[in-house]
Every structure is written in structure tokens, then in C-alpha cells.
N, C-alpha and C. Protein backbone atom coordinates (compact mmCIF):
# COMPACT_ATOMS: atom_id res chain seq x y z
N MET A 1 106.90 110.36 110.51
CA MET A 1 105.93 110.04 109.46
C MET A 1 106.55 110.18 108.08
N ALA A 2 107.37 111.23 107.91
CA ALA A 2 108.00 111.45 106.60
C ALA A 2 108.88 110.26 106.24
N GLU A 3 109.63 109.75 107.22
CA GLU A 3 110.52 108.62 106.96
C GLU A 3 109.72 107.36 106.64
N THR A 4 108.64 107.13 107.39
CA THR A 4 107.82 105.93 107.17
C THR A 4 107.18 105.94 105.79
N LEU A 5 106.68 107.10 105.37
CA LEU A 5 105.98 107.21 104.08
C LEU A 5 106.92 107.47 102.92
N GLY A 6 108.20 107.77 103.22
CA GLY A 6 109.15 108.02 102.14
C GLY A 6 108.92 109.33 101.43
N VAL A 7 108.47 110.36 102.17
CA VAL A 7 108.22 111.67 101.58
C VAL A 7 108.97 112.72 102.39
N SER A 8 108.93 113.97 101.93
CA SER A 8 109.61 115.05 102.65
C SER A 8 108.73 115.55 103.79
N MET A 9 109.37 116.25 104.75
CA MET A 9 108.61 116.84 105.85
C MET A 9 107.64 117.89 105.32
N ARG A 10 108.04 118.59 104.28
CA ARG A 10 107.16 119.60 103.69
C ARG A 10 105.87 118.96 103.18
N THR A 11 105.99 117.75 102.61
CA THR A 11 104.80 117.03 102.13
C THR A 11 103.87 116.70 103.30
N ILE A 12 104.45 116.28 104.43
CA ILE A 12 103.63 115.98 105.61
C ILE A 12 102.89 117.23 106.07
N TYR A 13 103.58 118.36 106.16
CA TYR A 13 102.93 119.61 106.57
C TYR A 13 101.79 119.97 105.61
N ARG A 14 102.06 119.84 104.31
CA ARG A 14 101.04 120.19 103.31
C ARG A 14 99.83 119.25 103.41
N ASP A 15 100.10 117.94 103.60
CA ASP A 15 99.00 116.98 103.71
C ASP A 15 98.16 117.22 104.96
N MET A 16 98.80 117.63 106.05
CA MET A 16 98.06 117.92 107.28
C MET A 16 97.13 119.10 107.09
N VAL A 17 97.61 120.12 106.38
CA VAL A 17 96.76 121.28 106.09
C VAL A 17 95.58 120.86 105.22
N THR A 18 95.84 119.99 104.24
CA THR A 18 94.77 119.49 103.37
C THR A 18 93.72 118.75 104.18
N LEU A 19 94.17 117.88 105.10
CA LEU A 19 93.23 117.14 105.94
C LEU A 19 92.42 118.08 106.83
N GLN A 20 93.06 119.10 107.37
CA GLN A 20 92.35 120.08 108.20
C GLN A 20 91.31 120.82 107.38
N ASP A 21 91.69 121.19 106.14
CA ASP A 21 90.74 121.87 105.25
C ASP A 21 89.55 120.99 104.90
N MET A 22 89.75 119.66 104.92
CA MET A 22 88.66 118.72 104.63
C MET A 22 87.79 118.47 105.86
N GLY A 23 88.18 119.05 106.99
CA GLY A 23 87.36 118.91 108.19
C GLY A 23 87.86 117.91 109.20
N ALA A 24 89.02 117.29 108.94
CA ALA A 24 89.56 116.35 109.92
C ALA A 24 90.03 117.13 111.15
N PRO A 25 89.62 116.71 112.35
CA PRO A 25 90.00 117.44 113.57
C PRO A 25 91.43 117.14 114.01
N ILE A 26 92.36 117.71 113.28
CA ILE A 26 93.78 117.50 113.56
C ILE A 26 94.35 118.77 114.15
N ARG A 27 95.06 118.62 115.27
CA ARG A 27 95.72 119.75 115.92
C ARG A 27 97.22 119.53 115.86
N GLY A 28 97.95 120.61 115.62
CA GLY A 28 99.40 120.52 115.60
C GLY A 28 100.01 121.56 116.51
N GLU A 29 101.02 121.14 117.26
CA GLU A 29 101.73 122.04 118.14
C GLU A 29 103.22 121.83 117.96
N GLY A 30 103.97 122.97 117.90
CA GLY A 30 105.41 122.88 117.76
C GLY A 30 106.03 122.13 118.92
N GLY A 31 106.93 121.19 118.58
CA GLY A 31 107.62 120.41 119.60
C GLY A 31 106.83 119.22 120.11
N ILE A 32 105.54 119.16 119.77
CA ILE A 32 104.70 118.04 120.22
C ILE A 32 104.32 117.15 119.04
N GLY A 33 103.88 117.77 117.96
CA GLY A 33 103.48 117.01 116.79
C GLY A 33 102.00 117.19 116.50
N TYR A 34 101.45 116.25 115.76
CA TYR A 34 100.04 116.30 115.37
C TYR A 34 99.23 115.32 116.21
N GLN A 35 98.01 115.74 116.50
CA GLN A 35 97.08 114.87 117.23
C GLN A 35 95.72 114.94 116.55
N ILE A 36 95.03 113.82 116.56
CA ILE A 36 93.68 113.77 116.01
C ILE A 36 92.72 113.52 117.17
N GLU A 37 91.60 114.20 117.15
CA GLU A 37 90.63 114.09 118.25
C GLU A 37 90.18 112.64 118.43
N LYS A 38 90.02 112.23 119.66
CA LYS A 38 89.54 110.88 119.94
C LYS A 38 88.15 110.67 119.36
N GLY A 39 87.92 109.45 118.88
CA GLY A 39 86.60 109.13 118.36
C GLY A 39 86.44 109.44 116.89
N TYR A 40 87.46 110.03 116.25
CA TYR A 40 87.35 110.36 114.84
C TYR A 40 88.10 109.31 114.01
N PHE A 41 87.44 108.79 113.01
CA PHE A 41 88.07 107.80 112.14
C PHE A 41 87.87 108.20 110.69
N LEU A 42 88.87 107.89 109.87
CA LEU A 42 88.69 108.08 108.43
C LEU A 42 87.66 107.08 107.93
N PRO A 43 86.83 107.46 106.97
CA PRO A 43 85.83 106.51 106.47
C PRO A 43 86.51 105.29 105.86
N PRO A 44 85.98 104.09 106.11
CA PRO A 44 86.60 102.89 105.57
C PRO A 44 86.47 102.83 104.05
N ILE A 45 87.43 102.16 103.44
CA ILE A 45 87.39 101.94 102.00
C ILE A 45 86.85 100.54 101.78
N HIS A 46 85.82 100.44 100.97
CA HIS A 46 85.21 99.13 100.71
C HIS A 46 85.49 98.71 99.27
N PHE A 47 86.26 97.65 99.11
CA PHE A 47 86.51 97.06 97.80
C PHE A 47 85.70 95.78 97.68
N ASP A 48 85.14 95.53 96.48
CA ASP A 48 84.61 94.19 96.27
C ASP A 48 85.82 93.31 95.90
N PRO A 49 85.69 91.99 95.92
CA PRO A 49 86.86 91.11 95.70
C PRO A 49 87.61 91.38 94.41
N ASP A 50 86.89 91.64 93.31
CA ASP A 50 87.56 91.88 92.03
C ASP A 50 88.31 93.22 92.04
N GLU A 51 87.72 94.25 92.65
CA GLU A 51 88.40 95.54 92.75
C GLU A 51 89.69 95.41 93.56
N PHE A 52 89.60 94.64 94.65
CA PHE A 52 90.75 94.44 95.51
C PHE A 52 91.87 93.72 94.76
N ASP A 53 91.51 92.65 94.02
CA ASP A 53 92.51 91.92 93.23
C ASP A 53 93.13 92.82 92.17
N ALA A 54 92.32 93.64 91.52
CA ALA A 54 92.82 94.55 90.48
C ALA A 54 93.83 95.53 91.06
N PHE A 55 93.51 96.08 92.24
CA PHE A 55 94.42 97.03 92.87
C PHE A 55 95.75 96.37 93.21
N ILE A 56 95.68 95.19 93.85
CA ILE A 56 96.90 94.48 94.24
C ILE A 56 97.77 94.16 93.03
N LEU A 57 97.15 93.56 92.00
CA LEU A 57 97.92 93.19 90.81
C LEU A 57 98.50 94.42 90.12
N GLY A 58 97.70 95.49 90.05
CA GLY A 58 98.18 96.72 89.40
C GLY A 58 99.39 97.28 90.10
N MET A 59 99.32 97.40 91.42
CA MET A 59 100.45 97.95 92.17
C MET A 59 101.68 97.05 92.08
N ARG A 60 101.46 95.75 92.11
CA ARG A 60 102.61 94.85 92.06
C ARG A 60 103.22 94.79 90.66
N MET A 61 102.41 94.98 89.63
CA MET A 61 102.96 95.07 88.27
C MET A 61 103.80 96.33 88.12
N VAL A 62 103.31 97.44 88.68
CA VAL A 62 104.08 98.68 88.63
C VAL A 62 105.41 98.50 89.36
N ALA A 63 105.36 97.86 90.53
CA ALA A 63 106.59 97.65 91.30
C ALA A 63 107.57 96.76 90.53
N ALA A 64 107.05 95.76 89.79
CA ALA A 64 107.91 94.82 89.07
C ALA A 64 108.45 95.40 87.77
N ARG A 65 107.67 96.29 87.13
CA ARG A 65 108.02 96.73 85.78
C ARG A 65 108.52 98.16 85.68
N GLY A 66 108.35 98.95 86.74
CA GLY A 66 108.74 100.35 86.66
C GLY A 66 110.15 100.61 87.13
N ASP A 67 110.54 101.88 87.12
CA ASP A 67 111.83 102.26 87.67
C ASP A 67 111.70 102.37 89.19
N LEU A 68 112.77 102.73 89.87
CA LEU A 68 112.75 102.78 91.33
C LEU A 68 111.72 103.76 91.88
N PRO A 69 111.58 104.99 91.32
CA PRO A 69 110.54 105.89 91.85
C PRO A 69 109.13 105.32 91.72
N LEU A 70 108.83 104.67 90.59
CA LEU A 70 107.50 104.07 90.41
C LEU A 70 107.29 102.91 91.37
N ALA A 71 108.31 102.08 91.53
CA ALA A 71 108.21 100.95 92.44
C ALA A 71 107.98 101.43 93.87
N GLY A 72 108.69 102.48 94.26
CA GLY A 72 108.50 103.05 95.59
C GLY A 72 107.11 103.63 95.77
N ALA A 73 106.61 104.30 94.72
CA ALA A 73 105.27 104.87 94.78
C ALA A 73 104.22 103.78 94.94
N ALA A 74 104.42 102.66 94.26
CA ALA A 74 103.47 101.54 94.38
C ALA A 74 103.46 101.00 95.80
N GLN A 75 104.64 100.85 96.40
CA GLN A 75 104.70 100.35 97.77
C GLN A 75 104.05 101.33 98.74
N ARG A 76 104.25 102.64 98.53
CA ARG A 76 103.63 103.63 99.41
C ARG A 76 102.11 103.62 99.25
N ALA A 77 101.64 103.44 98.01
CA ALA A 77 100.19 103.39 97.78
C ALA A 77 99.57 102.20 98.50
N ILE A 78 100.25 101.05 98.44
CA ILE A 78 99.76 99.86 99.15
C ILE A 78 99.71 100.15 100.65
N GLY A 79 100.74 100.79 101.17
CA GLY A 79 100.77 101.12 102.59
C GLY A 79 99.65 102.07 102.99
N LYS A 80 99.39 103.06 102.16
CA LYS A 80 98.33 104.03 102.48
C LYS A 80 96.95 103.38 102.46
N ILE A 81 96.70 102.54 101.46
CA ILE A 81 95.41 101.85 101.39
C ILE A 81 95.28 100.88 102.57
N ASN A 82 96.35 100.17 102.87
CA ASN A 82 96.33 99.22 103.98
C ASN A 82 96.00 99.91 105.30
N ALA A 83 96.48 101.16 105.45
CA ALA A 83 96.29 101.89 106.71
C ALA A 83 94.83 102.28 106.95
N VAL A 84 94.03 102.40 105.89
CA VAL A 84 92.65 102.85 106.07
C VAL A 84 91.62 101.76 105.80
N LEU A 85 92.07 100.54 105.49
CA LEU A 85 91.12 99.45 105.33
C LEU A 85 90.56 99.05 106.69
N PRO A 86 89.32 98.57 106.74
CA PRO A 86 88.76 98.11 108.01
C PRO A 86 89.66 97.05 108.65
N ASP A 87 89.84 97.16 109.96
CA ASP A 87 90.74 96.25 110.68
C ASP A 87 90.37 94.79 110.44
N GLY A 88 91.41 94.02 110.16
CA GLY A 88 91.23 92.57 110.05
C GLY A 88 90.64 92.09 108.75
N ARG A 89 90.20 93.01 107.89
CA ARG A 89 89.56 92.54 106.67
C ARG A 89 90.56 92.13 105.60
N HIS A 90 91.59 92.93 105.43
CA HIS A 90 92.61 92.63 104.41
C HIS A 90 93.98 92.98 104.96
N ASN A 91 94.98 92.31 104.46
CA ASN A 91 96.36 92.71 104.68
C ASN A 91 97.04 92.66 103.33
N LEU A 92 97.27 93.82 102.75
CA LEU A 92 97.78 93.87 101.38
C LEU A 92 99.14 93.21 101.25
N GLN A 93 99.94 93.24 102.32
CA GLN A 93 101.27 92.67 102.24
C GLN A 93 101.23 91.15 102.20
N GLU A 94 100.11 90.54 102.58
CA GLU A 94 100.03 89.08 102.65
C GLU A 94 99.17 88.47 101.54
N GLN A 95 98.81 89.26 100.55
CA GLN A 95 97.98 88.74 99.47
C GLN A 95 98.76 87.75 98.61
N SER A 96 98.07 86.77 98.06
CA SER A 96 98.73 85.71 97.29
C SER A 96 98.78 86.02 95.80
N LEU A 97 98.46 87.24 95.41
CA LEU A 97 98.56 87.64 94.01
C LEU A 97 99.90 88.34 93.80
N LEU A 98 100.71 87.81 92.90
CA LEU A 98 102.02 88.39 92.65
C LEU A 98 102.16 88.75 91.19
N ALA A 99 103.10 89.63 90.89
CA ALA A 99 103.41 89.99 89.51
C ALA A 99 104.91 90.09 89.38
N TYR A 100 105.45 89.43 88.37
CA TYR A 100 106.88 89.47 88.12
C TYR A 100 107.13 89.88 86.69
N SER A 101 108.27 90.51 86.47
CA SER A 101 108.66 90.83 85.11
C SER A 101 109.35 89.62 84.52
N THR A 102 109.14 89.37 83.22
CA THR A 102 109.80 88.25 82.55
C THR A 102 111.17 88.64 82.02
N GLN A 103 111.62 89.84 82.36
CA GLN A 103 112.96 90.25 81.97
C GLN A 103 113.97 89.39 82.71
N SER A 104 115.21 89.51 82.30
CA SER A 104 116.27 88.77 82.96
C SER A 104 116.34 89.20 84.42
N GLU A 105 117.06 88.43 85.22
CA GLU A 105 117.12 88.71 86.65
C GLU A 105 117.54 90.15 86.92
N GLU A 106 118.43 90.67 86.08
CA GLU A 106 118.87 92.05 86.26
C GLU A 106 117.97 92.94 85.42
N LYS A 107 117.23 93.84 86.06
CA LYS A 107 116.28 94.68 85.35
C LYS A 107 117.00 95.63 84.40
N VAL A 108 116.37 95.89 83.25
CA VAL A 108 116.93 96.84 82.29
C VAL A 108 116.87 98.23 82.91
N PRO A 109 118.00 98.94 82.98
CA PRO A 109 117.97 100.28 83.59
C PRO A 109 117.07 101.22 82.79
N LEU A 110 116.31 102.02 83.49
CA LEU A 110 115.41 102.99 82.86
C LEU A 110 115.67 104.37 83.47
N PRO A 111 116.86 104.94 83.21
CA PRO A 111 117.22 106.19 83.88
C PRO A 111 116.37 107.38 83.48
N HIS A 112 115.68 107.30 82.34
CA HIS A 112 114.93 108.46 81.87
C HIS A 112 113.42 108.37 82.11
N LEU A 113 112.96 107.26 82.70
CA LEU A 113 111.52 107.05 82.84
C LEU A 113 110.86 108.13 83.70
N SER A 114 111.49 108.52 84.78
CA SER A 114 110.92 109.54 85.66
C SER A 114 110.79 110.88 84.93
N ALA A 115 111.83 111.25 84.17
CA ALA A 115 111.80 112.51 83.42
C ALA A 115 110.71 112.48 82.35
N LEU A 116 110.52 111.32 81.72
CA LEU A 116 109.48 111.18 80.70
C LEU A 116 108.09 111.32 81.31
N ARG A 117 107.89 110.70 82.48
CA ARG A 117 106.58 110.80 83.13
C ARG A 117 106.28 112.24 83.52
N ALA A 118 107.30 112.96 84.01
CA ALA A 118 107.11 114.37 84.38
C ALA A 118 106.77 115.21 83.15
N ALA A 119 107.46 114.96 82.05
CA ALA A 119 107.20 115.72 80.82
C ALA A 119 105.80 115.43 80.29
N LEU A 120 105.33 114.19 80.43
CA LEU A 120 103.97 113.85 80.01
C LEU A 120 102.94 114.64 80.81
N ARG A 121 103.14 114.67 82.13
CA ARG A 121 102.19 115.38 83.00
C ARG A 121 102.17 116.88 82.70
N GLU A 122 103.35 117.44 82.45
CA GLU A 122 103.47 118.89 82.29
C GLU A 122 103.42 119.33 80.84
N ARG A 123 103.29 118.37 79.92
CA ARG A 123 103.23 118.65 78.48
C ARG A 123 104.40 119.52 78.03
N LYS A 124 105.62 119.06 78.35
CA LYS A 124 106.82 119.80 77.99
C LYS A 124 107.57 119.08 76.87
N LYS A 125 108.02 119.88 75.91
CA LYS A 125 108.80 119.32 74.81
C LYS A 125 110.17 118.86 75.33
N LEU A 126 110.68 117.81 74.70
CA LEU A 126 111.97 117.25 75.09
C LEU A 126 112.90 117.20 73.89
N GLU A 127 114.18 117.40 74.16
CA GLU A 127 115.20 117.13 73.15
C GLU A 127 115.85 115.81 73.55
N ILE A 128 115.79 114.85 72.66
CA ILE A 128 116.30 113.52 72.99
C ILE A 128 117.38 113.10 72.00
N THR A 129 118.25 112.22 72.47
CA THR A 129 119.18 111.51 71.59
C THR A 129 118.79 110.05 71.65
N TYR A 130 118.56 109.47 70.47
CA TYR A 130 118.01 108.12 70.39
C TYR A 130 118.90 107.23 69.55
N LEU A 131 119.12 106.00 70.02
CA LEU A 131 119.91 105.01 69.29
C LEU A 131 118.96 103.99 68.70
N ASP A 132 118.86 103.94 67.38
CA ASP A 132 117.91 103.00 66.77
C ASP A 132 118.49 101.58 66.75
N LEU A 133 117.70 100.64 66.25
CA LEU A 133 118.08 99.23 66.28
C LEU A 133 119.28 98.92 65.38
N LYS A 134 119.60 99.84 64.45
CA LYS A 134 120.77 99.66 63.57
C LYS A 134 122.00 100.36 64.14
N GLY A 135 121.87 100.90 65.35
CA GLY A 135 123.01 101.55 65.98
C GLY A 135 123.24 102.98 65.56
N ARG A 136 122.27 103.58 64.85
CA ARG A 136 122.41 104.97 64.41
C ARG A 136 121.84 105.90 65.47
N SER A 137 122.58 106.96 65.78
CA SER A 137 122.17 107.92 66.80
C SER A 137 121.60 109.16 66.13
N SER A 138 120.50 109.68 66.68
CA SER A 138 119.91 110.90 66.15
C SER A 138 119.38 111.75 67.30
N THR A 139 119.38 113.06 67.08
CA THR A 139 118.85 114.00 68.07
C THR A 139 117.64 114.68 67.47
N ARG A 140 116.60 114.79 68.28
CA ARG A 140 115.36 115.39 67.78
C ARG A 140 114.58 116.02 68.92
N VAL A 141 113.65 116.90 68.58
CA VAL A 141 112.74 117.49 69.55
C VAL A 141 111.40 116.81 69.40
N ILE A 142 110.84 116.38 70.53
CA ILE A 142 109.59 115.63 70.49
C ILE A 142 108.57 116.19 71.47
N ARG A 143 107.32 115.83 71.21
CA ARG A 143 106.24 116.06 72.18
C ARG A 143 105.92 114.69 72.79
N PRO A 144 106.25 114.44 74.05
CA PRO A 144 105.91 113.14 74.64
C PRO A 144 104.41 113.01 74.84
N LEU A 145 103.83 111.93 74.34
CA LEU A 145 102.37 111.77 74.36
C LEU A 145 101.89 110.61 75.22
N GLY A 146 102.64 109.52 75.29
CA GLY A 146 102.18 108.37 76.06
C GLY A 146 103.29 107.38 76.32
N LEU A 147 103.16 106.63 77.40
CA LEU A 147 104.10 105.56 77.74
C LEU A 147 103.34 104.25 77.84
N THR A 148 103.88 103.21 77.23
CA THR A 148 103.25 101.89 77.26
C THR A 148 104.26 100.87 77.76
N ALA A 149 103.86 100.07 78.75
CA ALA A 149 104.71 99.00 79.26
C ALA A 149 104.35 97.70 78.56
N PHE A 150 105.26 97.21 77.73
CA PHE A 150 105.10 95.91 77.11
C PHE A 150 105.80 94.87 77.97
N ASP A 151 105.80 93.63 77.52
CA ASP A 151 106.37 92.56 78.34
C ASP A 151 107.83 92.81 78.68
N LEU A 152 108.63 93.21 77.69
CA LEU A 152 110.06 93.37 77.92
C LEU A 152 110.54 94.82 77.89
N VAL A 153 109.76 95.72 77.32
CA VAL A 153 110.23 97.10 77.16
C VAL A 153 109.13 98.11 77.44
N TRP A 154 109.56 99.32 77.75
CA TRP A 154 108.67 100.49 77.80
C TRP A 154 108.83 101.22 76.47
N VAL A 155 107.71 101.70 75.93
CA VAL A 155 107.74 102.43 74.66
C VAL A 155 107.12 103.81 74.86
N LEU A 156 107.85 104.82 74.40
CA LEU A 156 107.36 106.20 74.43
C LEU A 156 106.75 106.53 73.07
N THR A 157 105.51 106.95 73.07
CA THR A 157 104.87 107.44 71.85
C THR A 157 105.00 108.95 71.86
N ALA A 158 105.51 109.50 70.77
CA ALA A 158 105.78 110.94 70.72
C ALA A 158 105.42 111.50 69.35
N TRP A 159 105.26 112.81 69.32
CA TRP A 159 105.14 113.52 68.05
C TRP A 159 106.51 114.11 67.75
N CYS A 160 107.11 113.72 66.64
CA CYS A 160 108.42 114.22 66.26
C CYS A 160 108.27 115.53 65.51
N GLU A 161 108.88 116.58 66.05
CA GLU A 161 108.76 117.91 65.43
C GLU A 161 109.44 117.96 64.06
N GLU A 162 110.55 117.23 63.92
CA GLU A 162 111.29 117.26 62.65
C GLU A 162 110.54 116.50 61.56
N ARG A 163 110.06 115.30 61.89
CA ARG A 163 109.38 114.46 60.89
C ARG A 163 107.90 114.80 60.73
N GLU A 164 107.37 115.57 61.68
CA GLU A 164 105.94 115.90 61.66
C GLU A 164 105.11 114.62 61.60
N ALA A 165 105.44 113.69 62.49
CA ALA A 165 104.74 112.41 62.50
C ALA A 165 104.90 111.76 63.88
N PHE A 166 104.03 110.77 64.15
CA PHE A 166 104.15 110.00 65.38
C PHE A 166 105.36 109.08 65.30
N ARG A 167 106.00 108.88 66.44
CA ARG A 167 107.11 107.95 66.53
C ARG A 167 106.99 107.15 67.83
N ASN A 168 107.32 105.86 67.77
CA ASN A 168 107.40 105.01 68.96
C ASN A 168 108.86 104.73 69.24
N LEU A 169 109.29 105.07 70.45
CA LEU A 169 110.70 104.98 70.82
C LEU A 169 110.87 104.10 72.05
N ARG A 170 111.78 103.15 71.98
CA ARG A 170 112.05 102.32 73.15
C ARG A 170 112.77 103.15 74.20
N VAL A 171 112.23 103.16 75.41
CA VAL A 171 112.79 103.98 76.47
C VAL A 171 114.22 103.57 76.81
N ASP A 172 114.52 102.28 76.72
CA ASP A 172 115.88 101.82 77.06
C ASP A 172 116.91 102.18 76.01
N ARG A 173 116.47 102.73 74.86
CA ARG A 173 117.40 103.14 73.81
C ARG A 173 117.58 104.66 73.76
N LEU A 174 116.97 105.35 74.71
CA LEU A 174 117.17 106.80 74.81
C LEU A 174 118.53 107.05 75.47
N GLN A 175 119.39 107.78 74.78
CA GLN A 175 120.72 108.07 75.32
C GLN A 175 120.72 109.33 76.19
N SER A 176 119.89 110.29 75.84
CA SER A 176 119.77 111.50 76.65
C SER A 176 118.36 112.05 76.51
N VAL A 177 117.91 112.70 77.58
CA VAL A 177 116.58 113.33 77.60
C VAL A 177 116.74 114.68 78.31
N ASP A 178 116.49 115.75 77.57
CA ASP A 178 116.62 117.10 78.13
C ASP A 178 115.34 117.88 77.90
N CYS A 179 114.87 118.53 78.95
CA CYS A 179 113.66 119.35 78.84
C CYS A 179 114.01 120.67 78.18
N THR A 180 113.26 121.04 77.16
CA THR A 180 113.52 122.30 76.46
C THR A 180 112.92 123.50 77.21
N GLY A 181 111.97 123.22 78.11
CA GLY A 181 111.28 124.29 78.81
C GLY A 181 110.03 124.76 78.08
N ALA A 182 109.88 124.36 76.81
CA ALA A 182 108.71 124.76 76.02
C ALA A 182 107.54 123.83 76.33
N ILE A 183 106.38 124.43 76.54
CA ILE A 183 105.16 123.66 76.80
C ILE A 183 104.34 123.62 75.52
N PHE A 184 103.87 122.43 75.17
CA PHE A 184 103.06 122.31 73.95
C PHE A 184 101.58 122.22 74.32
N SER A 185 100.77 122.92 73.56
CA SER A 185 99.33 122.93 73.81
C SER A 185 98.67 121.77 73.06
N ARG A 186 97.43 121.52 73.40
CA ARG A 186 96.69 120.45 72.72
C ARG A 186 96.45 120.85 71.27
N GLU A 187 96.67 119.90 70.37
CA GLU A 187 96.51 120.18 68.95
C GLU A 187 95.89 118.97 68.26
N ALA A 188 94.80 119.19 67.61
CA ALA A 188 94.09 118.10 66.94
C ALA A 188 95.01 117.41 65.94
N GLY A 189 95.01 116.07 66.00
CA GLY A 189 95.82 115.28 65.09
C GLY A 189 97.20 114.95 65.62
N LYS A 190 97.55 115.56 66.78
CA LYS A 190 98.89 115.33 67.34
C LYS A 190 98.84 114.84 68.79
N GLU A 191 97.73 114.23 69.18
CA GLU A 191 97.55 113.76 70.55
C GLU A 191 97.66 112.23 70.61
N PHE A 192 97.86 111.72 71.81
CA PHE A 192 97.96 110.27 72.00
C PHE A 192 96.69 109.57 71.51
N SER A 193 95.55 110.20 71.77
CA SER A 193 94.28 109.61 71.31
C SER A 193 94.24 109.53 69.77
N ASP A 194 94.86 110.50 69.09
CA ASP A 194 94.92 110.47 67.62
C ASP A 194 95.81 109.32 67.15
N TYR A 195 96.92 109.12 67.86
CA TYR A 195 97.80 108.00 67.50
C TYR A 195 97.06 106.67 67.67
N LEU A 196 96.34 106.52 68.78
CA LEU A 196 95.65 105.25 69.04
C LEU A 196 94.62 104.94 67.94
N LYS A 197 94.06 105.96 67.34
CA LYS A 197 93.09 105.74 66.25
C LYS A 197 93.73 105.16 65.01
N THR A 198 95.05 105.30 64.91
CA THR A 198 95.74 104.77 63.72
C THR A 198 96.08 103.29 63.85
N LEU A 199 95.90 102.72 65.01
CA LEU A 199 96.26 101.31 65.24
C LEU A 199 95.23 100.36 64.66
């Protein structure tokens, strides 16, 4: 199961415990594996046509525009939803809705995207080295606030500690990204929602 879903064995063990805690009649025995009682089914997921199209397009856009971890996550999400849809109603792998990036055939490398997403979730300050459009390199400490996928680039919106102001930074122009270990708390006037109000 771990290989099929692209996760660690520890994740499978943890998910099984979660399902058991939710009341799913799953039994596990060493050397045998997991078994679910006969006659038990997960409740079906019912999408209306527009919801279904939105999910498919969203996942395929993520797969086309994200880095490898995001693309893999999108494929796993499609697989998980496909596994619990009512039999014969949908096959997510055969849908005729596609999404492609308009970037060149070779995708722009995004080596720091995963680290940025983790820092956003955990609200951790980052020390970055950034190359601006004039070729000048600078190092600064930032509070990562939001990521936006545009047609050709990803943009990180951050609060710059040195400038005491919002900054939008192209992810593909980040030369280095290092976590400082410092966690920043919510502060009025310095949040992503505050930045959006300035647009």
C-alpha cells in the first residue's frame, strides 16, 4: 500500500489507526496485514458535475504547474478520490479535461517551492538570497506570507524584515532558502490578507 500510494509505511500505520479511531472495522495482524470486515464500505462521495470538473481541473493544474512533490500529491489525491467514488460513475484518469502549462517544454526548475510551502504552513522566518531582474544579489530575512501561481512564474509574497514592507519575489530567482528556526506570530498589518487589501 505504501508503494502504491507513494507514502511511507509509517504513514500507512498512522492512517490505519486514524480509520480505526473513526470506527472503521479494520483489523491488523503481524505477518498478515490489514483486513476490513465484510459488508463495510466507505461512504460514497457525491460530486455534482461542476464540482467534479473543478476538482479535475484543479488537480491537473497543480500537476502541470507545481514542482515534483506537488505534482505527485495531485496524482495521489486523484487516486484516493477515484478509489472511493461509486463504481462505474467516474474514472478520473479518463476525464477529457486537461491542463497544461504554457511554459517552454522544459519546466522552469523550482527547487525551493517545497521549502517555501513548508515555511508558509509553519510560519517560519526564512533567510533568502535573491537575484533581482537587474542581476543584483541580496540576502534578507523574510516572513513568507503567500504563494501565487501566475501563467509563467510562481511569486512569493513576503514581509521583508529589513525594509519593513511587503515584497513580491519570483520563486525561480531565489538562489538560496534557509530556515532560521524562528516562528513569527500573527501581526496586524503584516499578513497576506493585509497585502491583498493594498491591491
